[in-house]
Amino acid sequence: MYRFLLTPRWWGIHVFVLLAIPFCVFMGSWQLSRFEDRVDTHKDAEATAEAHADGAARPLAKVLPVTTETSGERTRATGRYVKQLLVPDRGLDGADGYYVLGLLRTGEDKVLPVVRGWHEGPAPAKAPAAPTGTVTVTGALQPSEDARSTGVNASGGLPAGQVGIIGAASLVNLTSYDVYDGWITLDRAEAGLTPVPAKAPEGGGLDLKAFQNLGYTGEWFVFAGFVVFMWYRLVRREAEALRDAALGIAAEEEPEPEPAGV
């Protein structure tokens, strides 16, 4: 009954199944390895963050450019504040408020964006003034923001003196100096402000993409099982069809009984 499995059509089905199953298992294993890599990266990021929090502040030149390894590292810079801006619609501990951002001109004749702190409420016309004269600031290094990460426009629709994104691309048109590709948030905020904690590097934790990898892992293994199930169903259906055909032929060959009394 199962000789049909050796026909050319079924050989094609067998080859497809034998190729599809290892492919699904390979893709599932690869997605699982991606999830495990993200878990390891998350653990490394936590360890790095702890090391950065306890480490001594290094000069700005030693930690630039900003990478996943240097993001969050404590650094220090010396200069003069040449401009102050407000960054509205920034929440902290569930409250709405704004960042007070100062542009610190360093000895390299560039400005470093410095988040001096956070203030609750809508961005007012005035905020605590920046210190005058030469100052040395210490804080956590952060990468430049972009519209994708913040969900806001750089400066569209905002009043003068406000900016939506903390990044070189959005600040370069608001000052006559070059802007560092990165910013720092002060360890200790000034009077009337709350310190802004450093953000974890993007793509270095258990984010939505990590759990997508885990979901894809399950999907690929389900696909492998589905291929086996469909192969079994096709074999069973064809075997039943051949059996029914054989029974039908047998019924046709069996002579009909003669009427009684003839």
C-alpha atoms as a PDB file:
ATOM      1  CA  MET A   1       0.000   0.000   0.000  1.00  0.00           C
ATOM      2  CA  TYR A   2       2.867   2.400   0.732  1.00  0.00           C
ATOM      3  CA  ARG A   3       4.759   1.797  -2.506  1.00  0.00           C
ATOM      4  CA  PHE A   4       3.519   5.213  -3.651  1.00  0.00           C
ATOM      5  CA  LEU A   5       6.156   6.727  -1.340  1.00  0.00           C
ATOM      6  CA  LEU A   6       8.779   5.661  -3.905  1.00  0.00           C
ATOM      7  CA  THR A   7       7.170   7.454  -6.835  1.00  0.00           C
ATOM      8  CA  PRO A   8       8.948  10.526  -8.331  1.00  0.00           C
ATOM      9  CA  ARG A   9       6.275  12.907  -6.976  1.00  0.00           C
ATOM     10  CA  TRP A  10       6.768  11.654  -3.448  1.00  0.00           C
ATOM     11  CA  TRP A  11      10.535  11.732  -3.768  1.00  0.00           C
ATOM     12  CA  GLY A  12      10.160  15.467  -4.383  1.00  0.00           C
ATOM     13  CA  ILE A  13       8.040  15.780  -1.237  1.00  0.00           C
ATOM     14  CA  HIS A  14      10.595  13.812   0.782  1.00  0.00           C
ATOM     15  CA  VAL A  15      13.438  16.057  -0.378  1.00  0.00           C
ATOM     16  CA  PHE A  16      11.470  19.188   0.496  1.00  0.00           C
ATOM     17  CA  VAL A  17      10.729  17.862   4.006  1.00  0.00           C
ATOM     18  CA  LEU A  18      14.336  16.789   4.576  1.00  0.00           C
ATOM     19  CA  LEU A  19      15.517  20.287   3.616  1.00  0.00           C
ATOM     20  CA  ALA A  20      12.775  22.263   5.378  1.00  0.00           C
ATOM     21  CA  ILE A  21      13.173  20.652   8.813  1.00  0.00           C
ATOM     22  CA  PRO A  22      16.918  21.376   9.231  1.00  0.00           C
ATOM     23  CA  PHE A  23      16.384  24.894   7.871  1.00  0.00           C
ATOM     24  CA  CYS A  24      13.636  25.627  10.432  1.00  0.00           C
ATOM     25  CA  VAL A  25      15.735  24.159  13.246  1.00  0.00           C
ATOM     26  CA  PHE A  26      18.742  26.215  12.143  1.00  0.00           C
ATOM     27  CA  MET A  27      16.738  29.447  11.998  1.00  0.00           C
ATOM     28  CA  GLY A  28      15.175  28.732  15.388  1.00  0.00           C
ATOM     29  CA  SER A  29      18.589  28.053  16.912  1.00  0.00           C
ATOM     30  CA  TRP A  30      19.971  31.243  15.355  1.00  0.00           C
ATOM     31  CA  GLN A  31      17.132  33.341  16.793  1.00  0.00           C
ATOM     32  CA  LEU A  32      17.709  31.716  20.176  1.00  0.00           C
ATOM     33  CA  SER A  33      21.401  32.583  20.008  1.00  0.00           C
ATOM     34  CA  ARG A  34      20.461  36.187  19.208  1.00  0.00           C
ATOM     35  CA  PHE A  35      18.272  36.286  22.317  1.00  0.00           C
ATOM     36  CA  GLU A  36      21.062  34.798  24.442  1.00  0.00           C
ATOM     37  CA  ASP A  37      23.499  37.374  23.057  1.00  0.00           C
ATOM     38  CA  ARG A  38      21.132  40.167  24.073  1.00  0.00           C
ATOM     39  CA  VAL A  39      20.815  38.662  27.563  1.00  0.00           C
ATOM     40  CA  ASP A  40      24.613  38.557  27.860  1.00  0.00           C
ATOM     41  CA  THR A  41      24.846  42.115  26.529  1.00  0.00           C
ATOM     42  CA  HIS A  42      22.286  43.214  29.098  1.00  0.00           C
ATOM     43  CA  LYS A  43      24.324  41.654  31.900  1.00  0.00           C
ATOM     44  CA  ASP A  44      27.518  43.243  30.571  1.00  0.00           C
ATOM     45  CA  ALA A  45      25.749  46.619  30.314  1.00  0.00           C
ATOM     46  CA  GLU A  46      24.629  46.369  33.935  1.00  0.00           C
ATOM     47  CA  ALA A  47      28.150  45.505  35.041  1.00  0.00           C
ATOM     48  CA  THR A  48      29.553  48.355  32.942  1.00  0.00           C
ATOM     49  CA  ALA A  49      27.008  50.799  34.378  1.00  0.00           C
ATOM     50  CA  GLU A  50      28.005  49.810  37.915  1.00  0.00           C
ATOM     51  CA  ALA A  51      31.672  50.225  37.042  1.00  0.00           C
ATOM     52  CA  HIS A  52      30.987  53.645  35.499  1.00  0.00           C
ATOM     53  CA  ALA A  53      29.017  54.776  38.543  1.00  0.00           C
ATOM     54  CA  ASP A  54      31.846  53.834  40.889  1.00  0.00           C
ATOM     55  CA  GLY A  55      34.701  54.876  38.600  1.00  0.00           C
ATOM     56  CA  ALA A  56      36.593  58.126  38.647  1.00  0.00           C
ATOM     57  CA  ALA A  57      35.653  60.800  36.127  1.00  0.00           C
ATOM     58  CA  ARG A  58      37.986  60.857  33.138  1.00  0.00           C
ATOM     59  CA  PRO A  59      38.763  63.846  30.900  1.00  0.00           C
ATOM     60  CA  LEU A  60      36.301  64.369  28.069  1.00  0.00           C
ATOM     61  CA  ALA A  61      38.904  63.659  25.404  1.00  0.00           C
ATOM     62  CA  LYS A  62      39.507  60.209  26.895  1.00  0.00           C
ATOM     63  CA  VAL A  63      35.895  59.039  26.553  1.00  0.00           C
ATOM     64  CA  LEU A  64      34.993  60.405  23.123  1.00  0.00           C
ATOM     65  CA  PRO A  65      33.583  59.343  20.740  1.00  0.00           C
ATOM     66  CA  VAL A  66      30.549  57.963  22.560  1.00  0.00           C
ATOM     67  CA  THR A  67      30.215  54.187  22.205  1.00  0.00           C
ATOM     68  CA  THR A  68      28.257  51.487  24.012  1.00  0.00           C
ATOM     69  CA  GLU A  69      31.316  51.038  26.240  1.00  0.00           C
ATOM     70  CA  THR A  70      31.772  54.713  27.112  1.00  0.00           C
ATOM     71  CA  SER A  71      28.085  55.652  27.273  1.00  0.00           C
ATOM     72  CA  GLY A  72      27.274  56.358  30.897  1.00  0.00           C
ATOM     73  CA  GLU A  73      30.916  56.787  31.887  1.00  0.00           C
ATOM     74  CA  ARG A  74      31.668  59.655  34.226  1.00  0.00           C
ATOM     75  CA  THR A  75      33.655  62.433  32.637  1.00  0.00           C
ATOM     76  CA  ARG A  76      34.693  65.989  33.411  1.00  0.00           C
ATOM     77  CA  ALA A  77      35.117  69.104  31.334  1.00  0.00           C
ATOM     78  CA  THR A  78      36.143  72.692  32.005  1.00  0.00           C
ATOM     79  CA  GLY A  79      34.832  75.782  30.267  1.00  0.00           C
ATOM     80  CA  ARG A  80      32.310  78.627  30.304  1.00  0.00           C
ATOM     81  CA  TYR A  81      28.579  78.480  29.687  1.00  0.00           C
ATOM     82  CA  VAL A  82      27.788  80.506  26.586  1.00  0.00           C
ATOM     83  CA  LYS A  83      24.111  79.647  26.114  1.00  0.00           C
ATOM     84  CA  GLN A  84      21.188  78.149  27.988  1.00  0.00           C
ATOM     85  CA  LEU A  85      18.261  76.245  26.468  1.00  0.00           C
ATOM     86  CA  LEU A  86      15.238  74.407  27.787  1.00  0.00           C
ATOM     87  CA  VAL A  87      14.233  70.906  26.680  1.00  0.00           C
ATOM     88  CA  PRO A  88      10.464  70.614  27.283  1.00  0.00           C
ATOM     89  CA  ASP A  89       8.278  67.533  27.743  1.00  0.00           C
ATOM     90  CA  ARG A  90      10.807  65.501  29.699  1.00  0.00           C
ATOM     91  CA  GLY A  91       9.436  63.280  32.442  1.00  0.00           C
ATOM     92  CA  LEU A  92      11.170  62.126  35.600  1.00  0.00           C
ATOM     93  CA  ASP A  93       9.757  59.697  38.184  1.00  0.00           C
ATOM     94  CA  GLY A  94       6.314  59.950  36.590  1.00  0.00           C
ATOM     95  CA  ALA A  95       6.170  63.763  36.656  1.00  0.00           C
ATOM     96  CA  ASP A  96       6.234  66.108  33.651  1.00  0.00           C
ATOM     97  CA  GLY A  97       8.887  68.767  33.388  1.00  0.00           C
ATOM     98  CA  TYR A  98      11.835  70.009  31.383  1.00  0.00           C
ATOM     99  CA  TYR A  99      15.615  69.802  31.235  1.00  0.00           C
ATOM    100  CA  VAL A 100      17.793  72.853  31.738  1.00  0.00           C
ATOM    101  CA  LEU A 101      20.506  72.554  29.117  1.00  0.00           C
ATOM    102  CA  GLY A 102      23.695  74.610  29.111  1.00  0.00           C
ATOM    103  CA  LEU A 103      26.211  74.830  26.282  1.00  0.00           C
ATOM    104  CA  LEU A 104      29.682  74.716  27.813  1.00  0.00           C
ATOM    105  CA  ARG A 105      32.457  76.189  25.660  1.00  0.00           C
ATOM    106  CA  THR A 106      35.633  74.185  26.228  1.00  0.00           C
ATOM    107  CA  GLY A 107      39.255  74.928  25.432  1.00  0.00           C
ATOM    108  CA  GLU A 108      38.842  73.298  22.018  1.00  0.00           C
ATOM    109  CA  ASP A 109      36.469  76.117  21.051  1.00  0.00           C
ATOM    110  CA  LYS A 110      33.566  73.676  20.914  1.00  0.00           C
ATOM    111  CA  VAL A 111      30.479  73.514  23.078  1.00  0.00           C
ATOM    112  CA  LEU A 112      29.468  70.544  25.170  1.00  0.00           C
ATOM    113  CA  PRO A 113      25.737  70.153  25.894  1.00  0.00           C
ATOM    114  CA  VAL A 114      25.338  69.824  29.662  1.00  0.00           C
ATOM    115  CA  VAL A 115      22.029  68.881  31.271  1.00  0.00           C
ATOM    116  CA  ARG A 116      22.279  70.860  34.486  1.00  0.00           C
ATOM    117  CA  GLY A 117      19.123  69.293  35.880  1.00  0.00           C
ATOM    118  CA  TRP A 118      15.365  68.802  35.630  1.00  0.00           C
ATOM    119  CA  HIS A 119      12.540  71.040  36.793  1.00  0.00           C
ATOM    120  CA  GLU A 120       8.933  70.012  37.237  1.00  0.00           C
ATOM    121  CA  GLY A 121       6.186  71.778  35.296  1.00  0.00           C
ATOM    122  CA  PRO A 122       5.936  73.397  31.854  1.00  0.00           C
ATOM    123  CA  ALA A 123       9.018  75.092  30.461  1.00  0.00           C
ATOM    124  CA  PRO A 124       8.921  78.713  31.716  1.00  0.00           C
ATOM    125  CA  ALA A 125      10.350  81.789  30.066  1.00  0.00           C
ATOM    126  CA  LYS A 126      13.177  81.766  32.596  1.00  0.00           C
ATOM    127  CA  ALA A 127      15.058  79.026  34.436  1.00  0.00           C
ATOM    128  CA  PRO A 128      17.856  79.040  37.020  1.00  0.00           C
ATOM    129  CA  ALA A 129      20.724  80.907  35.384  1.00  0.00           C
ATOM    130  CA  ALA A 130      23.921  79.062  34.555  1.00  0.00           C
ATOM    131  CA  PRO A 131      27.016  79.794  36.659  1.00  0.00           C
ATOM    132  CA  THR A 132      29.270  82.517  35.317  1.00  0.00           C
ATOM    133  CA  GLY A 133      32.999  82.279  34.798  1.00  0.00           C
ATOM    134  CA  THR A 134      35.066  79.145  34.303  1.00  0.00           C
ATOM    135  CA  VAL A 135      33.536  76.004  35.773  1.00  0.00           C
ATOM    136  CA  THR A 136      34.433  72.324  35.860  1.00  0.00           C
ATOM    137  CA  VAL A 137      31.500  69.963  35.416  1.00  0.00           C
ATOM    138  CA  THR A 138      31.326  66.247  36.140  1.00  0.00           C
ATOM    139  CA  GLY A 139      28.659  63.931  34.826  1.00  0.00           C
ATOM    140  CA  ALA A 140      27.683  60.857  32.835  1.00  0.00           C
ATOM    141  CA  LEU A 141      28.404  60.819  29.118  1.00  0.00           C
ATOM    142  CA  GLN A 142      25.436  60.239  26.814  1.00  0.00           C
ATOM    143  CA  PRO A 143      25.095  59.788  23.033  1.00  0.00           C
ATOM    144  CA  SER A 144      23.358  62.404  20.903  1.00  0.00           C
ATOM    145  CA  GLU A 145      19.611  61.945  20.646  1.00  0.00           C
ATOM    146  CA  ASP A 146      17.626  61.750  17.435  1.00  0.00           C
ATOM    147  CA  ALA A 147      13.970  62.054  16.455  1.00  0.00           C
ATOM    148  CA  ARG A 148      13.522  58.278  16.443  1.00  0.00           C
ATOM    149  CA  SER A 149      14.651  57.848  20.051  1.00  0.00           C
ATOM    150  CA  THR A 150      12.740  60.834  21.439  1.00  0.00           C
ATOM    151  CA  GLY A 151       9.662  60.902  19.201  1.00  0.00           C
ATOM    152  CA  VAL A 152       9.813  64.706  18.842  1.00  0.00           C
ATOM    153  CA  ASN A 153      11.005  67.174  16.258  1.00  0.00           C
ATOM    154  CA  ALA A 154      14.330  68.928  16.717  1.00  0.00           C
ATOM    155  CA  SER A 155      12.918  72.425  17.147  1.00  0.00           C
ATOM    156  CA  GLY A 156       9.789  72.656  15.041  1.00  0.00           C
ATOM    157  CA  GLY A 157       7.012  74.594  16.745  1.00  0.00           C
ATOM    158  CA  LEU A 158       9.025  75.334  19.879  1.00  0.00           C
ATOM    159  CA  PRO A 159       9.489  78.861  21.248  1.00  0.00           C
ATOM    160  CA  ALA A 160      12.863  80.576  21.056  1.00  0.00           C
ATOM    161  CA  GLY A 161      15.230  79.268  23.688  1.00  0.00           C
ATOM    162  CA  GLN A 162      13.838  75.736  23.572  1.00  0.00           C
ATOM    163  CA  VAL A 163      14.970  72.622  21.736  1.00  0.00           C
ATOM    164  CA  GLY A 164      13.362  69.189  21.456  1.00  0.00           C
ATOM    165  CA  ILE A 165      16.422  67.003  20.960  1.00  0.00           C
ATOM    166  CA  ILE A 166      19.808  67.018  22.668  1.00  0.00           C
ATOM    167  CA  GLY A 167      22.181  66.355  19.803  1.00  0.00           C
ATOM    168  CA  ALA A 168      24.785  67.990  17.628  1.00  0.00           C
ATOM    169  CA  ALA A 169      22.468  68.015  14.591  1.00  0.00           C
ATOM    170  CA  SER A 170      19.768  69.986  16.419  1.00  0.00           C
ATOM    171  CA  LEU A 171      22.098  72.327  18.329  1.00  0.00           C
ATOM    172  CA  VAL A 172      24.580  73.294  15.630  1.00  0.00           C
ATOM    173  CA  ASN A 173      22.172  75.911  14.243  1.00  0.00           C
ATOM    174  CA  LEU A 174      21.609  77.446  17.670  1.00  0.00           C
ATOM    175  CA  THR A 175      25.214  78.381  18.373  1.00  0.00           C
ATOM    176  CA  SER A 176      28.174  79.757  16.475  1.00  0.00           C
ATOM    177  CA  TYR A 177      30.457  77.013  17.825  1.00  0.00           C
ATOM    178  CA  ASP A 178      30.934  73.421  16.808  1.00  0.00           C
ATOM    179  CA  VAL A 179      29.051  70.970  19.014  1.00  0.00           C
ATOM    180  CA  TYR A 180      30.381  67.760  20.522  1.00  0.00           C
ATOM    181  CA  ASP A 181      28.597  64.631  19.345  1.00  0.00           C
ATOM    182  CA  GLY A 182      27.359  63.732  22.804  1.00  0.00           C
ATOM    183  CA  TRP A 183      26.283  65.365  26.045  1.00  0.00           C
ATOM    184  CA  ILE A 184      26.575  64.887  29.782  1.00  0.00           C
ATOM    185  CA  THR A 185      24.119  64.939  32.653  1.00  0.00           C
ATOM    186  CA  LEU A 186      25.547  66.328  35.878  1.00  0.00           C
ATOM    187  CA  ASP A 187      26.073  64.074  38.882  1.00  0.00           C
ATOM    188  CA  ARG A 188      24.781  66.805  41.159  1.00  0.00           C
ATOM    189  CA  ALA A 189      22.159  69.258  40.023  1.00  0.00           C
ATOM    190  CA  GLU A 190      22.309  72.900  40.941  1.00  0.00           C
ATOM    191  CA  ALA A 191      19.962  74.546  43.427  1.00  0.00           C
ATOM    192  CA  GLY A 192      16.320  74.292  42.401  1.00  0.00           C
ATOM    193  CA  LEU A 193      16.953  71.431  39.940  1.00  0.00           C
ATOM    194  CA  THR A 194      16.823  67.640  40.158  1.00  0.00           C
ATOM    195  CA  PRO A 195      19.697  65.549  38.725  1.00  0.00           C
ATOM    196  CA  VAL A 196      18.828  63.606  35.582  1.00  0.00           C
ATOM    197  CA  PRO A 197      19.957  59.950  35.719  1.00  0.00           C
ATOM    198  CA  ALA A 198      21.989  58.592  32.839  1.00  0.00           C
ATOM    199  CA  LYS A 199      20.192  56.454  30.285  1.00  0.00           C
ATOM    200  CA  ALA A 200      21.261  52.934  29.412  1.00  0.00           C
ATOM    201  CA  PRO A 201      22.743  52.515  25.904  1.00  0.00           C
ATOM    202  CA  GLU A 202      20.139  51.680  23.263  1.00  0.00           C
ATOM    203  CA  GLY A 203      20.155  48.114  21.966  1.00  0.00           C
ATOM    204  CA  GLY A 204      22.103  46.878  24.962  1.00  0.00           C
ATOM    205  CA  GLY A 205      19.295  45.485  27.103  1.00  0.00           C
ATOM    206  CA  LEU A 206      16.275  43.216  27.171  1.00  0.00           C
ATOM    207  CA  ASP A 207      14.177  45.391  24.896  1.00  0.00           C
ATOM    208  CA  LEU A 208      11.332  44.490  22.565  1.00  0.00           C
ATOM    209  CA  LYS A 209      13.756  43.188  19.927  1.00  0.00           C
ATOM    210  CA  ALA A 210      15.176  40.669  22.393  1.00  0.00           C
ATOM    211  CA  PHE A 211      11.748  39.168  23.074  1.00  0.00           C
ATOM    212  CA  GLN A 212      10.983  39.256  19.352  1.00  0.00           C
ATOM    213  CA  ASN A 213      14.001  36.996  18.869  1.00  0.00           C
ATOM    214  CA  LEU A 214      12.598  34.660  21.525  1.00  0.00           C
ATOM    215  CA  GLY A 215       9.198  34.653  19.803  1.00  0.00           C
ATOM    216  CA  TYR A 216      10.767  33.915  16.415  1.00  0.00           C
ATOM    217  CA  THR A 217      12.612  31.003  18.021  1.00  0.00           C
ATOM    218  CA  GLY A 218       9.307  29.378  18.968  1.00  0.00           C
ATOM    219  CA  GLU A 219       7.809  30.114  15.553  1.00  0.00           C
ATOM    220  CA  TRP A 220      10.608  28.380  13.652  1.00  0.00           C
ATOM    221  CA  PHE A 221      10.380  25.255  15.817  1.00  0.00           C
ATOM    222  CA  VAL A 222       6.607  25.235  15.318  1.00  0.00           C
ATOM    223  CA  PHE A 223       7.197  25.463  11.550  1.00  0.00           C
ATOM    224  CA  ALA A 224       9.472  22.399  11.760  1.00  0.00           C
ATOM    225  CA  GLY A 225       6.772  20.451  13.591  1.00  0.00           C
ATOM    226  CA  PHE A 226       4.159  21.642  11.090  1.00  0.00           C
ATOM    227  CA  VAL A 227       6.231  20.293   8.178  1.00  0.00           C
ATOM    228  CA  VAL A 228       6.387  16.853   9.815  1.00  0.00           C
ATOM    229  CA  PHE A 229       2.650  16.962  10.575  1.00  0.00           C
ATOM    230  CA  MET A 230       1.733  17.897   6.992  1.00  0.00           C
ATOM    231  CA  TRP A 231       3.963  15.139   5.595  1.00  0.00           C
ATOM    232  CA  TYR A 232       2.206  12.631   7.854  1.00  0.00           C
ATOM    233  CA  ARG A 233      -1.215  13.932   6.824  1.00  0.00           C
ATOM    234  CA  LEU A 234      -0.390  13.703   3.114  1.00  0.00           C
ATOM    235  CA  VAL A 235       0.903  10.141   3.501  1.00  0.00           C
ATOM    236  CA  ARG A 236      -2.171   9.098   5.448  1.00  0.00           C
ATOM    237  CA  ARG A 237      -4.579  10.745   3.020  1.00  0.00           C
ATOM    238  CA  GLU A 238      -3.014   9.119  -0.017  1.00  0.00           C
ATOM    239  CA  ALA A 239      -2.900   5.720   1.694  1.00  0.00           C
ATOM    240  CA  GLU A 240      -6.586   6.037   2.562  1.00  0.00           C
ATOM    241  CA  ALA A 241      -7.394   7.067  -1.007  1.00  0.00           C
ATOM    242  CA  LEU A 242      -5.605   4.019  -2.393  1.00  0.00           C
ATOM    243  CA  ARG A 243      -7.343   1.773   0.097  1.00  0.00           C
ATOM    244  CA  ASP A 244     -10.743   3.203  -0.810  1.00  0.00           C
ATOM    245  CA  ALA A 245      -9.966   2.783  -4.496  1.00  0.00           C
ATOM    246  CA  ALA A 246      -8.964  -0.842  -3.930  1.00  0.00           C
ATOM    247  CA  LEU A 247     -12.165  -1.535  -1.992  1.00  0.00           C
ATOM    248  CA  GLY A 248     -14.236   0.044  -4.736  1.00  0.00           C
ATOM    249  CA  ILE A 249     -12.675  -2.148  -7.407  1.00  0.00           C
ATOM    250  CA  ALA A 250     -13.246  -5.222  -5.273  1.00  0.00           C
ATOM    251  CA  ALA A 251     -16.899  -4.299  -4.855  1.00  0.00           C
ATOM    252  CA  GLU A 252     -17.307  -3.931  -8.625  1.00  0.00           C
ATOM    253  CA  GLU A 253     -15.711  -7.339  -9.316  1.00  0.00           C
ATOM    254  CA  GLU A 254     -17.893  -9.156  -6.757  1.00  0.00           C
ATOM    255  CA  PRO A 255     -20.928 -10.702  -8.639  1.00  0.00           C
ATOM    256  CA  GLU A 256     -24.337  -9.618  -7.595  1.00  0.00           C
ATOM    257  CA  PRO A 257     -26.406 -12.393  -5.943  1.00  0.00           C
ATOM    258  CA  GLU A 258     -29.117 -13.931  -8.149  1.00  0.00           C
ATOM    259  CA  PRO A 259     -32.723 -13.266  -7.103  1.00  0.00           C
ATOM    260  CA  ALA A 260     -34.247 -16.065  -5.053  1.00  0.00           C
ATOM    261  CA  GLY A 261     -36.554 -18.531  -6.865  1.00  0.00           C
ATOM    262  CA  VAL A 262     -34.878 -18.175 -10.289  1.00  0.00           C
END
